[in-house]
Each structure stands twice: as C-alpha cells, then as structure tokens.
Amino acid sequence: MVHKRWYDKNPKLSELIAYLEDQERDIQDVFSQHLLQILIYEFNFNLDEQISKLSEPWKHPYNRWYDDNIELFTIVQFIKTLSYDEQSYLVDSVVSHVLIDNLKDKNNA
C-alpha cells in the first residue's frame, strides 16, 4: 500500500506544494500572498477567523517545511478543506496570478 499525503490526491496541488517546498522564502511569500488574495476574494476566506481557529495546533511542533510560517500554514490548512475541484481551481488561479504579475514586472522594467 502506497502512503499518500492529503495533497497528493490532487496532482495539480501536489505539484504546487512540491514547487513551493523547493523555493526560497521570498518566492513562497509571493505565492502565499496570491493564494490569500484568491482565498479571500473568491472563496470568502476570513483570515483572522482561520488564524484564531488554527492558533492552538500551530503551537504544536510539526516537522513539515511550511509549519514555521503561520501564513502558509493557515493557507495549507484551509486548502485541506476545499473540494478537489476547488483545489484545482485555486492552483490554476494562483499560477495565472503569479505569471501575470511577472509579465507586468518585466514590461515595466
């Protein structure tokens, strides 16, 4: 039996998580900001409420790479609650947002 992490069930999400894990903190932060914007504006995500709900478990020492970043930890916990289709939509949206911002930055340079 092959053990899968929860996010490995969605190939798009699994690729995004693997990509983020290999990036420097500043790249992770860029994606976190875009993920938050999408979650807030398209999924009615209440950041303050989610952080307060998750604050107790976050104090527990985990060994996952994203556990030392409260923003990323909160985002990942919320993504767990989304359906497969919502997760896929979120991944597609964040990739589009980041690509568009990068193109804007290159055009303004």
PDB file of N, CA and C in Angstrom:
ATOM      1  N   MET A   1       0.836  -1.178   0.000  1.00  0.00           N
ATOM      2  CA  MET A   1       0.000   0.000   0.000  1.00  0.00           C
ATOM      3  C   MET A   1       0.887   1.251   0.000  1.00  0.00           C
ATOM      4  N   VAL A   2       0.608   2.151  -0.904  1.00  0.00           N
ATOM      5  CA  VAL A   2       1.377   3.383  -1.021  1.00  0.00           C
ATOM      6  C   VAL A   2       0.718   4.447  -0.155  1.00  0.00           C
ATOM      7  N   HIS A   3       1.520   5.036   0.723  1.00  0.00           N
ATOM      8  CA  HIS A   3       1.005   6.113   1.590  1.00  0.00           C
ATOM      9  C   HIS A   3       1.061   7.425   0.825  1.00  0.00           C
ATOM     10  N   LYS A   4      -0.076   8.094   0.729  1.00  0.00           N
ATOM     11  CA  LYS A   4      -0.142   9.396   0.067  1.00  0.00           C
ATOM     12  C   LYS A   4      -0.440  10.472   1.090  1.00  0.00           C
ATOM     13  N   ARG A   5       0.218  11.602   0.901  1.00  0.00           N
ATOM     14  CA  ARG A   5      -0.134  12.769   1.707  1.00  0.00           C
ATOM     15  C   ARG A   5      -1.458  13.293   1.182  1.00  0.00           C
ATOM     16  N   TRP A   6      -2.176  14.043   1.994  1.00  0.00           N
ATOM     17  CA  TRP A   6      -3.505  14.504   1.604  1.00  0.00           C
ATOM     18  C   TRP A   6      -3.487  15.259   0.291  1.00  0.00           C
ATOM     19  N   TYR A   7      -2.441  16.037   0.040  1.00  0.00           N
ATOM     20  CA  TYR A   7      -2.404  16.845  -1.173  1.00  0.00           C
ATOM     21  C   TYR A   7      -1.949  16.065  -2.397  1.00  0.00           C
ATOM     22  N   ASP A   8      -1.429  14.858  -2.212  1.00  0.00           N
ATOM     23  CA  ASP A   8      -1.024  14.038  -3.347  1.00  0.00           C
ATOM     24  C   ASP A   8      -2.220  13.470  -4.110  1.00  0.00           C
ATOM     25  N   LYS A   9      -3.393  13.571  -3.517  1.00  0.00           N
ATOM     26  CA  LYS A   9      -4.596  13.087  -4.195  1.00  0.00           C
ATOM     27  C   LYS A   9      -4.975  13.980  -5.373  1.00  0.00           C
ATOM     28  N   ASN A  10      -4.480  15.214  -5.368  1.00  0.00           N
ATOM     29  CA  ASN A  10      -4.749  16.155  -6.452  1.00  0.00           C
ATOM     30  C   ASN A  10      -3.410  16.476  -7.118  1.00  0.00           C
ATOM     31  N   PRO A  11      -3.175  15.982  -8.331  1.00  0.00           N
ATOM     32  CA  PRO A  11      -1.866  16.173  -8.980  1.00  0.00           C
ATOM     33  C   PRO A  11      -1.453  17.641  -9.119  1.00  0.00           C
ATOM     34  N   LYS A  12      -2.398  18.517  -9.431  1.00  0.00           N
ATOM     35  CA  LYS A  12      -2.064  19.941  -9.559  1.00  0.00           C
ATOM     36  C   LYS A  12      -1.586  20.506  -8.230  1.00  0.00           C
ATOM     37  N   LEU A  13      -2.316  20.190  -7.168  1.00  0.00           N
ATOM     38  CA  LEU A  13      -1.944  20.681  -5.843  1.00  0.00           C
ATOM     39  C   LEU A  13      -0.618  20.084  -5.397  1.00  0.00           C
ATOM     40  N   SER A  14      -0.427  18.811  -5.672  1.00  0.00           N
ATOM     41  CA  SER A  14       0.824  18.141  -5.304  1.00  0.00           C
ATOM     42  C   SER A  14       2.022  18.812  -5.984  1.00  0.00           C
ATOM     43  N   GLU A  15       1.865  19.154  -7.264  1.00  0.00           N
ATOM     44  CA  GLU A  15       2.944  19.839  -7.984  1.00  0.00           C
ATOM     45  C   GLU A  15       3.222  21.215  -7.401  1.00  0.00           C
ATOM     46  N   LEU A  16       2.170  21.951  -7.065  1.00  0.00           N
ATOM     47  CA  LEU A  16       2.354  23.278  -6.479  1.00  0.00           C
ATOM     48  C   LEU A  16       3.063  23.182  -5.128  1.00  0.00           C
ATOM     49  N   ILE A  17       2.635  22.273  -4.287  1.00  0.00           N
ATOM     50  CA  ILE A  17       3.255  22.106  -2.962  1.00  0.00           C
ATOM     51  C   ILE A  17       4.728  21.720  -3.117  1.00  0.00           C
ATOM     52  N   ALA A  18       5.017  20.796  -4.021  1.00  0.00           N
ATOM     53  CA  ALA A  18       6.407  20.374  -4.253  1.00  0.00           C
ATOM     54  C   ALA A  18       7.246  21.550  -4.762  1.00  0.00           C
ATOM     55  N   TYR A  19       6.680  22.336  -5.671  1.00  0.00           N
ATOM     56  CA  TYR A  19       7.383  23.512  -6.188  1.00  0.00           C
ATOM     57  C   TYR A  19       7.678  24.497  -5.059  1.00  0.00           C
ATOM     58  N   LEU A  20       6.675  24.805  -4.260  1.00  0.00           N
ATOM     59  CA  LEU A  20       6.861  25.762  -3.163  1.00  0.00           C
ATOM     60  C   LEU A  20       7.892  25.286  -2.154  1.00  0.00           C
ATOM     61  N   GLU A  21       7.882  23.994  -1.877  1.00  0.00           N
ATOM     62  CA  GLU A  21       8.835  23.446  -0.905  1.00  0.00           C
ATOM     63  C   GLU A  21      10.276  23.689  -1.339  1.00  0.00           C
ATOM     64  N   ASP A  22      10.529  23.666  -2.642  1.00  0.00           N
ATOM     65  CA  ASP A  22      11.884  23.827  -3.167  1.00  0.00           C
ATOM     66  C   ASP A  22      12.312  25.281  -3.351  1.00  0.00           C
ATOM     67  N   GLN A  23      11.396  26.224  -3.079  1.00  0.00           N
ATOM     68  CA  GLN A  23      11.693  27.629  -3.323  1.00  0.00           C
ATOM     69  C   GLN A  23      12.215  28.333  -2.070  1.00  0.00           C
ATOM     70  N   GLU A  24      12.884  29.447  -2.320  1.00  0.00           N
ATOM     71  CA  GLU A  24      13.327  30.302  -1.226  1.00  0.00           C
ATOM     72  C   GLU A  24      12.100  30.951  -0.585  1.00  0.00           C
ATOM     73  N   ARG A  25      12.278  31.433   0.618  1.00  0.00           N
ATOM     74  CA  ARG A  25      11.171  32.021   1.377  1.00  0.00           C
ATOM     75  C   ARG A  25      10.487  33.165   0.630  1.00  0.00           C
ATOM     76  N   ASP A  26      11.249  33.997  -0.089  1.00  0.00           N
ATOM     77  CA  ASP A  26      10.624  35.131  -0.777  1.00  0.00           C
ATOM     78  C   ASP A  26       9.668  34.662  -1.883  1.00  0.00           C
ATOM     79  N   ILE A  27       9.992  33.598  -2.578  1.00  0.00           N
ATOM     80  CA  ILE A  27       9.097  33.047  -3.608  1.00  0.00           C
ATOM     81  C   ILE A  27       7.874  32.424  -2.940  1.00  0.00           C
ATOM     82  N   GLN A  28       8.089  31.722  -1.836  1.00  0.00           N
ATOM     83  CA  GLN A  28       6.962  31.161  -1.089  1.00  0.00           C
ATOM     84  C   GLN A  28       6.023  32.278  -0.634  1.00  0.00           C
ATOM     85  N   ASP A  29       6.597  33.395  -0.211  1.00  0.00           N
ATOM     86  CA  ASP A  29       5.785  34.530   0.248  1.00  0.00           C
ATOM     87  C   ASP A  29       4.964  35.141  -0.889  1.00  0.00           C
ATOM     88  N   VAL A  30       5.546  35.213  -2.079  1.00  0.00           N
ATOM     89  CA  VAL A  30       4.810  35.732  -3.233  1.00  0.00           C
ATOM     90  C   VAL A  30       3.590  34.839  -3.500  1.00  0.00           C
ATOM     91  N   PHE A  31       3.814  33.536  -3.527  1.00  0.00           N
ATOM     92  CA  PHE A  31       2.698  32.618  -3.756  1.00  0.00           C
ATOM     93  C   PHE A  31       1.694  32.690  -2.613  1.00  0.00           C
ATOM     94  N   SER A  32       2.173  32.820  -1.389  1.00  0.00           N
ATOM     95  CA  SER A  32       1.262  32.933  -0.239  1.00  0.00           C
ATOM     96  C   SER A  32       0.348  34.135  -0.385  1.00  0.00           C
ATOM     97  N   GLN A  33       0.907  35.261  -0.796  1.00  0.00           N
ATOM     98  CA  GLN A  33       0.102  36.474  -0.971  1.00  0.00           C
ATOM     99  C   GLN A  33      -0.971  36.281  -2.044  1.00  0.00           C
ATOM    100  N   HIS A  34      -0.593  35.660  -3.130  1.00  0.00           N
ATOM    101  CA  HIS A  34      -1.567  35.399  -4.193  1.00  0.00           C
ATOM    102  C   HIS A  34      -2.619  34.385  -3.744  1.00  0.00           C
ATOM    103  N   LEU A  35      -2.184  33.356  -3.058  1.00  0.00           N
ATOM    104  CA  LEU A  35      -3.146  32.372  -2.548  1.00  0.00           C
ATOM    105  C   LEU A  35      -4.141  33.030  -1.600  1.00  0.00           C
ATOM    106  N   LEU A  36      -3.634  33.879  -0.722  1.00  0.00           N
ATOM    107  CA  LEU A  36      -4.512  34.576   0.213  1.00  0.00           C
ATOM    108  C   LEU A  36      -5.521  35.459  -0.516  1.00  0.00           C
ATOM    109  N   GLN A  37      -5.069  36.188  -1.496  1.00  0.00           N
ATOM    110  CA  GLN A  37      -5.975  37.055  -2.254  1.00  0.00           C
ATOM    111  C   GLN A  37      -7.090  36.232  -2.906  1.00  0.00           C
ATOM    112  N   ILE A  38      -6.738  35.128  -3.503  1.00  0.00           N
ATOM    113  CA  ILE A  38      -7.733  34.274  -4.154  1.00  0.00           C
ATOM    114  C   ILE A  38      -8.682  33.687  -3.115  1.00  0.00           C
ATOM    115  N   LEU A  39      -8.131  33.219  -2.013  1.00  0.00           N
ATOM    116  CA  LEU A  39      -8.974  32.632  -0.966  1.00  0.00           C
ATOM    117  C   LEU A  39      -9.932  33.669  -0.384  1.00  0.00           C
ATOM    118  N   ILE A  40      -9.449  34.865  -0.166  1.00  0.00           N
ATOM    119  CA  ILE A  40     -10.286  35.914   0.430  1.00  0.00           C
ATOM    120  C   ILE A  40     -11.361  36.383  -0.547  1.00  0.00           C
ATOM    121  N   TYR A  41     -10.975  36.654  -1.776  1.00  0.00           N
ATOM    122  CA  TYR A  41     -11.915  37.264  -2.717  1.00  0.00           C
ATOM    123  C   TYR A  41     -12.774  36.267  -3.493  1.00  0.00           C
ATOM    124  N   GLU A  42     -12.293  35.053  -3.648  1.00  0.00           N
ATOM    125  CA  GLU A  42     -13.066  34.089  -4.430  1.00  0.00           C
ATOM    126  C   GLU A  42     -13.670  32.963  -3.592  1.00  0.00           C
ATOM    127  N   PHE A  43     -13.130  32.760  -2.388  1.00  0.00           N
ATOM    128  CA  PHE A  43     -13.647  31.695  -1.525  1.00  0.00           C
ATOM    129  C   PHE A  43     -14.194  32.242  -0.206  1.00  0.00           C
ATOM    130  N   ASN A  44     -14.258  33.567  -0.079  1.00  0.00           N
ATOM    131  CA  ASN A  44     -14.749  34.219   1.149  1.00  0.00           C
ATOM    132  C   ASN A  44     -13.999  33.747   2.396  1.00  0.00           C
ATOM    133  N   PHE A  45     -12.711  33.618   2.266  1.00  0.00           N
ATOM    134  CA  PHE A  45     -11.825  33.176   3.344  1.00  0.00           C
ATOM    135  C   PHE A  45     -11.653  34.307   4.353  1.00  0.00           C
ATOM    136  N   ASN A  46     -11.917  34.031   5.617  1.00  0.00           N
ATOM    137  CA  ASN A  46     -11.742  35.008   6.684  1.00  0.00           C
ATOM    138  C   ASN A  46     -10.429  34.688   7.401  1.00  0.00           C
ATOM    139  N   LEU A  47      -9.388  35.434   7.075  1.00  0.00           N
ATOM    140  CA  LEU A  47      -8.048  35.155   7.588  1.00  0.00           C
ATOM    141  C   LEU A  47      -7.991  35.201   9.105  1.00  0.00           C
ATOM    142  N   ASP A  48      -8.539  36.231   9.710  1.00  0.00           N
ATOM    143  CA  ASP A  48      -8.498  36.362  11.171  1.00  0.00           C
ATOM    144  C   ASP A  48      -9.180  35.172  11.849  1.00  0.00           C
ATOM    145  N   GLU A  49     -10.330  34.813  11.324  1.00  0.00           N
ATOM    146  CA  GLU A  49     -11.073  33.682  11.895  1.00  0.00           C
ATOM    147  C   GLU A  49     -10.280  32.383  11.754  1.00  0.00           C
ATOM    148  N   GLN A  50      -9.681  32.172  10.593  1.00  0.00           N
ATOM    149  CA  GLN A  50      -8.925  30.944  10.361  1.00  0.00           C
ATOM    150  C   GLN A  50      -7.683  30.880  11.251  1.00  0.00           C
ATOM    151  N   ILE A  51      -7.004  32.005  11.410  1.00  0.00           N
ATOM    152  CA  ILE A  51      -5.814  32.010  12.265  1.00  0.00           C
ATOM    153  C   ILE A  51      -6.200  31.713  13.708  1.00  0.00           C
ATOM    154  N   SER A  52      -7.289  32.298  14.176  1.00  0.00           N
ATOM    155  CA  SER A  52      -7.699  32.030  15.556  1.00  0.00           C
ATOM    156  C   SER A  52      -8.102  30.563  15.741  1.00  0.00           C
ATOM    157  N   LYS A  53      -8.747  29.972  14.740  1.00  0.00           N
ATOM    158  CA  LYS A  53      -9.112  28.553  14.814  1.00  0.00           C
ATOM    159  C   LYS A  53      -7.876  27.660  14.834  1.00  0.00           C
ATOM    160  N   LEU A  54      -6.847  28.090  14.117  1.00  0.00           N
ATOM    161  CA  LEU A  54      -5.666  27.243  13.941  1.00  0.00           C
ATOM    162  C   LEU A  54      -4.528  27.580  14.891  1.00  0.00           C
ATOM    163  N   SER A  55      -4.690  28.603  15.696  1.00  0.00           N
ATOM    164  CA  SER A  55      -3.567  29.062  16.524  1.00  0.00           C
ATOM    165  C   SER A  55      -3.094  27.999  17.509  1.00  0.00           C
ATOM    166  N   GLU A  56      -3.996  27.247  18.067  1.00  0.00           N
ATOM    167  CA  GLU A  56      -3.590  26.221  19.023  1.00  0.00           C
ATOM    168  C   GLU A  56      -2.798  25.097  18.357  1.00  0.00           C
ATOM    169  N   PRO A  57      -3.288  24.512  17.261  1.00  0.00           N
ATOM    170  CA  PRO A  57      -2.490  23.462  16.629  1.00  0.00           C
ATOM    171  C   PRO A  57      -1.163  23.974  16.093  1.00  0.00           C
ATOM    172  N   TRP A  58      -1.124  25.248  15.690  1.00  0.00           N
ATOM    173  CA  TRP A  58       0.106  25.780  15.137  1.00  0.00           C
ATOM    174  C   TRP A  58       1.215  25.827  16.180  1.00  0.00           C
ATOM    175  N   LYS A  59       0.863  25.931  17.455  1.00  0.00           N
ATOM    176  CA  LYS A  59       1.865  25.970  18.520  1.00  0.00           C
ATOM    177  C   LYS A  59       2.540  24.619  18.697  1.00  0.00           C
ATOM    178  N   HIS A  60       1.880  23.576  18.254  1.00  0.00           N
ATOM    179  CA  HIS A  60       2.447  22.231  18.351  1.00  0.00           C
ATOM    180  C   HIS A  60       3.607  22.108  17.370  1.00  0.00           C
ATOM    181  N   PRO A  61       4.733  21.564  17.818  1.00  0.00           N
ATOM    182  CA  PRO A  61       5.890  21.476  16.918  1.00  0.00           C
ATOM    183  C   PRO A  61       5.703  20.392  15.844  1.00  0.00           C
ATOM    184  N   TYR A  62       5.560  20.816  14.616  1.00  0.00           N
ATOM    185  CA  TYR A  62       5.476  19.894  13.492  1.00  0.00           C
ATOM    186  C   TYR A  62       6.802  19.898  12.758  1.00  0.00           C
ATOM    187  N   ASN A  63       6.994  18.948  11.906  1.00  0.00           N
ATOM    188  CA  ASN A  63       8.234  18.865  11.149  1.00  0.00           C
ATOM    189  C   ASN A  63       8.051  19.161   9.666  1.00  0.00           C
ATOM    190  N   ARG A  64       6.868  19.631   9.292  1.00  0.00           N
ATOM    191  CA  ARG A  64       6.641  19.934   7.882  1.00  0.00           C
ATOM    192  C   ARG A  64       7.318  21.254   7.536  1.00  0.00           C
ATOM    193  N   TRP A  65       7.729  21.382   6.304  1.00  0.00           N
ATOM    194  CA  TRP A  65       8.501  22.542   5.876  1.00  0.00           C
ATOM    195  C   TRP A  65       7.715  23.845   5.996  1.00  0.00           C
ATOM    196  N   TYR A  66       6.403  23.808   5.905  1.00  0.00           N
ATOM    197  CA  TYR A  66       5.595  25.029   5.945  1.00  0.00           C
ATOM    198  C   TYR A  66       5.114  25.392   7.346  1.00  0.00           C
ATOM    199  N   ASP A  67       5.438  24.609   8.353  1.00  0.00           N
ATOM    200  CA  ASP A  67       4.926  24.847   9.697  1.00  0.00           C
ATOM    201  C   ASP A  67       5.522  26.060  10.401  1.00  0.00           C
ATOM    202  N   ASP A  68       6.663  26.535   9.939  1.00  0.00           N
ATOM    203  CA  ASP A  68       7.280  27.686  10.612  1.00  0.00           C
ATOM    204  C   ASP A  68       6.787  29.024  10.045  1.00  0.00           C
ATOM    205  N   ASN A  69       5.834  28.976   9.138  1.00  0.00           N
ATOM    206  CA  ASN A  69       5.285  30.180   8.518  1.00  0.00           C
ATOM    207  C   ASN A  69       3.778  30.176   8.767  1.00  0.00           C
ATOM    208  N   ILE A  70       3.303  30.988   9.712  1.00  0.00           N
ATOM    209  CA  ILE A  70       1.889  30.963  10.112  1.00  0.00           C
ATOM    210  C   ILE A  70       0.965  31.233   8.938  1.00  0.00           C
ATOM    211  N   GLU A  71       1.368  32.124   8.049  1.00  0.00           N
ATOM    212  CA  GLU A  71       0.522  32.433   6.891  1.00  0.00           C
ATOM    213  C   GLU A  71       0.385  31.221   5.975  1.00  0.00           C
ATOM    214  N   LEU A  72       1.506  30.619   5.634  1.00  0.00           N
ATOM    215  CA  LEU A  72       1.481  29.447   4.760  1.00  0.00           C
ATOM    216  C   LEU A  72       0.808  28.262   5.448  1.00  0.00           C
ATOM    217  N   PHE A  73       1.085  28.088   6.718  1.00  0.00           N
ATOM    218  CA  PHE A  73       0.438  27.017   7.492  1.00  0.00           C
ATOM    219  C   PHE A  73      -1.081  27.173   7.444  1.00  0.00           C
ATOM    220  N   THR A  74      -1.569  28.397   7.670  1.00  0.00           N
ATOM    221  CA  THR A  74      -3.007  28.667   7.666  1.00  0.00           C
ATOM    222  C   THR A  74      -3.600  28.394   6.296  1.00  0.00           C
ATOM    223  N   ILE A  75      -2.923  28.836   5.253  1.00  0.00           N
ATOM    224  CA  ILE A  75      -3.393  28.603   3.888  1.00  0.00           C
ATOM    225  C   ILE A  75      -3.491  27.108   3.610  1.00  0.00           C
ATOM    226  N   VAL A  76      -2.464  26.369   3.972  1.00  0.00           N
ATOM    227  CA  VAL A  76      -2.464  24.920   3.723  1.00  0.00           C
ATOM    228  C   VAL A  76      -3.597  24.246   4.486  1.00  0.00           C
ATOM    229  N   GLN A  77      -3.825  24.655   5.718  1.00  0.00           N
ATOM    230  CA  GLN A  77      -4.911  24.065   6.496  1.00  0.00           C
ATOM    231  C   GLN A  77      -6.261  24.343   5.846  1.00  0.00           C
ATOM    232  N   PHE A  78      -6.428  25.540   5.308  1.00  0.00           N
ATOM    233  CA  PHE A  78      -7.689  25.870   4.654  1.00  0.00           C
ATOM    234  C   PHE A  78      -7.838  25.102   3.342  1.00  0.00           C
ATOM    235  N   ILE A  79      -6.752  24.973   2.590  1.00  0.00           N
ATOM    236  CA  ILE A  79      -6.803  24.235   1.324  1.00  0.00           C
ATOM    237  C   ILE A  79      -7.260  22.797   1.564  1.00  0.00           C
ATOM    238  N   LYS A  80      -6.892  22.237   2.704  1.00  0.00           N
ATOM    239  CA  LYS A  80      -7.325  20.871   3.049  1.00  0.00           C
ATOM    240  C   LYS A  80      -8.844  20.741   3.041  1.00  0.00           C
ATOM    241  N   THR A  81      -9.542  21.826   3.369  1.00  0.00           N
ATOM    242  CA  THR A  81     -10.998  21.770   3.489  1.00  0.00           C
ATOM    243  C   THR A  81     -11.705  21.928   2.143  1.00  0.00           C
ATOM    244  N   LEU A  82     -10.970  22.300   1.104  1.00  0.00           N
ATOM    245  CA  LEU A  82     -11.569  22.523  -0.203  1.00  0.00           C
ATOM    246  C   LEU A  82     -11.799  21.202  -0.932  1.00  0.00           C
ATOM    247  N   SER A  83     -12.771  21.220  -1.806  1.00  0.00           N
ATOM    248  CA  SER A  83     -13.012  20.039  -2.635  1.00  0.00           C
ATOM    249  C   SER A  83     -11.879  19.898  -3.658  1.00  0.00           C
ATOM    250  N   TYR A  84     -11.816  18.775  -4.291  1.00  0.00           N
ATOM    251  CA  TYR A  84     -10.817  18.512  -5.326  1.00  0.00           C
ATOM    252  C   TYR A  84     -10.886  19.587  -6.413  1.00  0.00           C
ATOM    253  N   ASP A  85     -12.095  19.873  -6.893  1.00  0.00           N
ATOM    254  CA  ASP A  85     -12.268  20.874  -7.948  1.00  0.00           C
ATOM    255  C   ASP A  85     -11.873  22.268  -7.479  1.00  0.00           C
ATOM    256  N   GLU A  86     -12.200  22.612  -6.242  1.00  0.00           N
ATOM    257  CA  GLU A  86     -11.814  23.914  -5.696  1.00  0.00           C
ATOM    258  C   GLU A  86     -10.300  24.020  -5.564  1.00  0.00           C
ATOM    259  N   GLN A  87      -9.658  22.940  -5.130  1.00  0.00           N
ATOM    260  CA  GLN A  87      -8.199  22.927  -5.038  1.00  0.00           C
ATOM    261  C   GLN A  87      -7.581  23.140  -6.417  1.00  0.00           C
ATOM    262  N   SER A  88      -8.110  22.453  -7.426  1.00  0.00           N
ATOM    263  CA  SER A  88      -7.591  22.596  -8.787  1.00  0.00           C
ATOM    264  C   SER A  88      -7.774  24.020  -9.295  1.00  0.00           C
ATOM    265  N   TYR A  89      -8.934  24.575  -9.044  1.00  0.00           N
ATOM    266  CA  TYR A  89      -9.207  25.959  -9.450  1.00  0.00           C
ATOM    267  C   TYR A  89      -8.228  26.914  -8.757  1.00  0.00           C
ATOM    268  N   LEU A  90      -7.992  26.713  -7.480  1.00  0.00           N
ATOM    269  CA  LEU A  90      -7.077  27.560  -6.720  1.00  0.00           C
ATOM    270  C   LEU A  90      -5.670  27.496  -7.310  1.00  0.00           C
ATOM    271  N   VAL A  91      -5.204  26.305  -7.616  1.00  0.00           N
ATOM    272  CA  VAL A  91      -3.863  26.148  -8.198  1.00  0.00           C
ATOM    273  C   VAL A  91      -3.796  26.862  -9.546  1.00  0.00           C
ATOM    274  N   ASP A  92      -4.778  26.635 -10.399  1.00  0.00           N
ATOM    275  CA  ASP A  92      -4.791  27.307 -11.703  1.00  0.00           C
ATOM    276  C   ASP A  92      -4.791  28.822 -11.533  1.00  0.00           C
ATOM    277  N   SER A  93      -5.584  29.310 -10.601  1.00  0.00           N
ATOM    278  CA  SER A  93      -5.684  30.757 -10.367  1.00  0.00           C
ATOM    279  C   SER A  93      -4.381  31.343  -9.860  1.00  0.00           C
ATOM    280  N   VAL A  94      -3.749  30.690  -8.914  1.00  0.00           N
ATOM    281  CA  VAL A  94      -2.521  31.254  -8.349  1.00  0.00           C
ATOM    282  C   VAL A  94      -1.406  31.253  -9.383  1.00  0.00           C
ATOM    283  N   VAL A  95      -1.326  30.216 -10.186  1.00  0.00           N
ATOM    284  CA  VAL A  95      -0.298  30.184 -11.232  1.00  0.00           C
ATOM    285  C   VAL A  95      -0.540  31.316 -12.223  1.00  0.00           C
ATOM    286  N   SER A  96      -1.791  31.521 -12.603  1.00  0.00           N
ATOM    287  CA  SER A  96      -2.127  32.623 -13.515  1.00  0.00           C
ATOM    288  C   SER A  96      -1.775  33.975 -12.912  1.00  0.00           C
ATOM    289  N   HIS A  97      -2.124  34.181 -11.651  1.00  0.00           N
ATOM    290  CA  HIS A  97      -1.839  35.455 -10.977  1.00  0.00           C
ATOM    291  C   HIS A  97      -0.342  35.741 -10.953  1.00  0.00           C
ATOM    292  N   VAL A  98       0.440  34.738 -10.595  1.00  0.00           N
ATOM    293  CA  VAL A  98       1.889  34.936 -10.488  1.00  0.00           C
ATOM    294  C   VAL A  98       2.490  35.194 -11.867  1.00  0.00           C
ATOM    295  N   LEU A  99       2.045  34.450 -12.871  1.00  0.00           N
ATOM    296  CA  LEU A  99       2.559  34.670 -14.231  1.00  0.00           C
ATOM    297  C   LEU A  99       2.215  36.067 -14.736  1.00  0.00           C
ATOM    298  N   ILE A 100       0.995  36.495 -14.517  1.00  0.00           N
ATOM    299  CA  ILE A 100       0.578  37.828 -14.950  1.00  0.00           C
ATOM    300  C   ILE A 100       1.404  38.902 -14.248  1.00  0.00           C
ATOM    301  N   ASP A 101       1.615  38.755 -12.947  1.00  0.00           N
ATOM    302  CA  ASP A 101       2.438  39.734 -12.222  1.00  0.00           C
ATOM    303  C   ASP A 101       3.867  39.761 -12.745  1.00  0.00           C
ATOM    304  N   ASN A 102       4.416  38.589 -13.042  1.00  0.00           N
ATOM    305  CA  ASN A 102       5.783  38.532 -13.570  1.00  0.00           C
ATOM    306  C   ASN A 102       5.874  39.211 -14.932  1.00  0.00           C
ATOM    307  N   LEU A 103       4.867  39.006 -15.767  1.00  0.00           N
ATOM    308  CA  LEU A 103       4.849  39.669 -17.081  1.00  0.00           C
ATOM    309  C   LEU A 103       4.729  41.174 -16.928  1.00  0.00           C
ATOM    310  N   LYS A 104       3.895  41.621 -15.999  1.00  0.00           N
ATOM    311  CA  LYS A 104       3.759  43.060 -15.741  1.00  0.00           C
ATOM    312  C   LYS A 104       5.089  43.646 -15.281  1.00  0.00           C
ATOM    313  N   ASP A 105       5.765  42.928 -14.360  1.00  0.00           N
ATOM    314  CA  ASP A 105       7.053  43.404 -13.863  1.00  0.00           C
ATOM    315  C   ASP A 105       8.082  43.514 -14.987  1.00  0.00           C
ATOM    316  N   LYS A 106       8.095  42.530 -15.882  1.00  0.00           N
ATOM    317  CA  LYS A 106       9.060  42.559 -16.996  1.00  0.00           C
ATOM    318  C   LYS A 106       8.744  43.698 -17.961  1.00  0.00           C
ATOM    319  N   ASN A 107       7.467  43.962 -18.189  1.00  0.00           N
ATOM    320  CA  ASN A 107       7.073  45.042 -19.100  1.00  0.00           C
ATOM    321  C   ASN A 107       7.353  46.415 -18.500  1.00  0.00           C
ATOM    322  N   ASN A 108       7.338  46.514 -17.183  1.00  0.00           N
ATOM    323  CA  ASN A 108       7.604  47.789 -16.517  1.00  0.00           C
ATOM    324  C   ASN A 108       9.088  48.031 -16.289  1.00  0.00           C
ATOM    325  N   ALA A 109       9.900  47.019 -16.509  1.00  0.00           N
ATOM    326  CA  ALA A 109      11.337  47.148 -16.264  1.00  0.00           C
ATOM    327  C   ALA A 109      12.057  47.838 -17.400  1.00  0.00           C
TER     328      ALA A 109
END
